[in-house]
């Protein structure tokens, strides 16, 4: 943030920063859920459903990272 100010870059709006924080919390929750599923995979015998769910979580997390990066970019 300080670097952007010193280099005279546009700063994200307060609304953008709030949205970024919400998405980062959501991403953290997604990561924790993914960790729990990975642990379950190591302990479970029926892994097909768990693997599909884990793949969906990873896909959603990647999308969240893309949105966060887009919102954090100077305009």
Protein backbone atom coordinates (compact mmCIF):
# COMPACT_ATOMS: atom_id res chain seq x y z
CA UNK A 1 0.00 0.00 0.00
CA UNK A 2 2.78 2.44 0.93
CA UNK A 3 4.60 1.54 -2.25
CA UNK A 4 1.49 2.41 -4.30
CA UNK A 5 1.22 5.77 -2.55
CA UNK A 6 4.90 6.56 -3.12
CA UNK A 7 4.69 5.54 -6.76
CA UNK A 8 1.45 7.50 -7.25
CA UNK A 9 -0.55 4.42 -8.23
CA UNK A 10 -4.28 4.33 -7.78
CA UNK A 11 -5.34 2.79 -4.50
CA UNK A 12 -8.18 0.32 -4.11
CA UNK A 13 -11.35 1.85 -2.73
CA UNK A 14 -12.55 1.08 0.80
CA UNK A 15 -15.29 -1.06 -0.72
CA UNK A 16 -12.75 -3.03 -2.75
CA UNK A 17 -10.60 -3.58 0.32
CA UNK A 18 -13.63 -4.82 2.26
CA UNK A 19 -14.52 -7.22 -0.56
CA UNK A 20 -10.93 -8.45 -0.73
CA UNK A 21 -10.95 -9.15 3.03
CA UNK A 22 -14.23 -11.07 2.73
CA UNK A 23 -12.84 -13.14 -0.13
CA UNK A 24 -9.63 -13.81 1.78
CA UNK A 25 -11.64 -15.10 4.76
CA UNK A 26 -13.66 -17.29 2.40
CA UNK A 27 -10.47 -18.58 0.82
CA UNK A 28 -9.11 -19.43 4.28
CA UNK A 29 -12.25 -21.41 5.04
CA UNK A 30 -11.94 -23.20 1.70
CA UNK A 31 -8.32 -24.08 2.49
CA UNK A 32 -9.23 -25.45 5.92
CA UNK A 33 -12.01 -27.54 4.40
CA UNK A 34 -9.61 -28.84 1.77
CA UNK A 35 -7.15 -29.78 4.50
CA UNK A 36 -9.81 -31.73 6.36
CA UNK A 37 -10.77 -33.56 3.18
CA UNK A 38 -7.14 -34.42 2.46
CA UNK A 39 -6.83 -35.84 5.97
CA UNK A 40 -10.01 -37.86 5.42
CA UNK A 41 -8.59 -39.21 2.15
CA UNK A 42 -5.61 -40.65 3.99
CA UNK A 43 -7.89 -42.37 6.50
CA UNK A 44 -10.82 -43.46 4.30
CA UNK A 45 -11.36 -46.41 1.99
CA UNK A 46 -14.11 -44.94 -0.25
CA UNK A 47 -12.23 -42.06 -1.79
CA UNK A 48 -14.05 -41.27 -5.06
CA UNK A 49 -16.66 -38.90 -3.58
CA UNK A 50 -14.08 -37.23 -1.37
CA UNK A 51 -11.74 -36.68 -4.33
CA UNK A 52 -14.55 -35.05 -6.36
CA UNK A 53 -15.40 -32.75 -3.46
CA UNK A 54 -11.73 -31.87 -2.97
CA UNK A 55 -11.36 -31.08 -6.69
CA UNK A 56 -14.36 -28.74 -6.49
CA UNK A 57 -12.89 -26.99 -3.45
CA UNK A 58 -9.56 -26.53 -5.23
CA UNK A 59 -11.34 -25.14 -8.30
CA UNK A 60 -13.32 -22.68 -6.16
CA UNK A 61 -10.18 -21.62 -4.28
CA UNK A 62 -8.38 -20.92 -7.55
CA UNK A 63 -11.31 -18.80 -8.72
CA UNK A 64 -11.32 -16.87 -5.44
CA UNK A 65 -7.59 -16.14 -5.83
CA UNK A 66 -8.21 -14.79 -9.34
CA UNK A 67 -10.98 -12.49 -8.08
CA UNK A 68 -8.83 -11.25 -5.17
CA UNK A 69 -5.94 -10.50 -7.54
CA UNK A 70 -8.29 -8.63 -9.91
CA UNK A 71 -9.77 -6.54 -7.09
CA UNK A 72 -6.34 -5.78 -5.59
CA UNK A 73 -4.90 -4.53 -8.88
CA UNK A 74 -4.59 -0.75 -9.18
CA UNK A 75 -7.06 0.81 -11.57
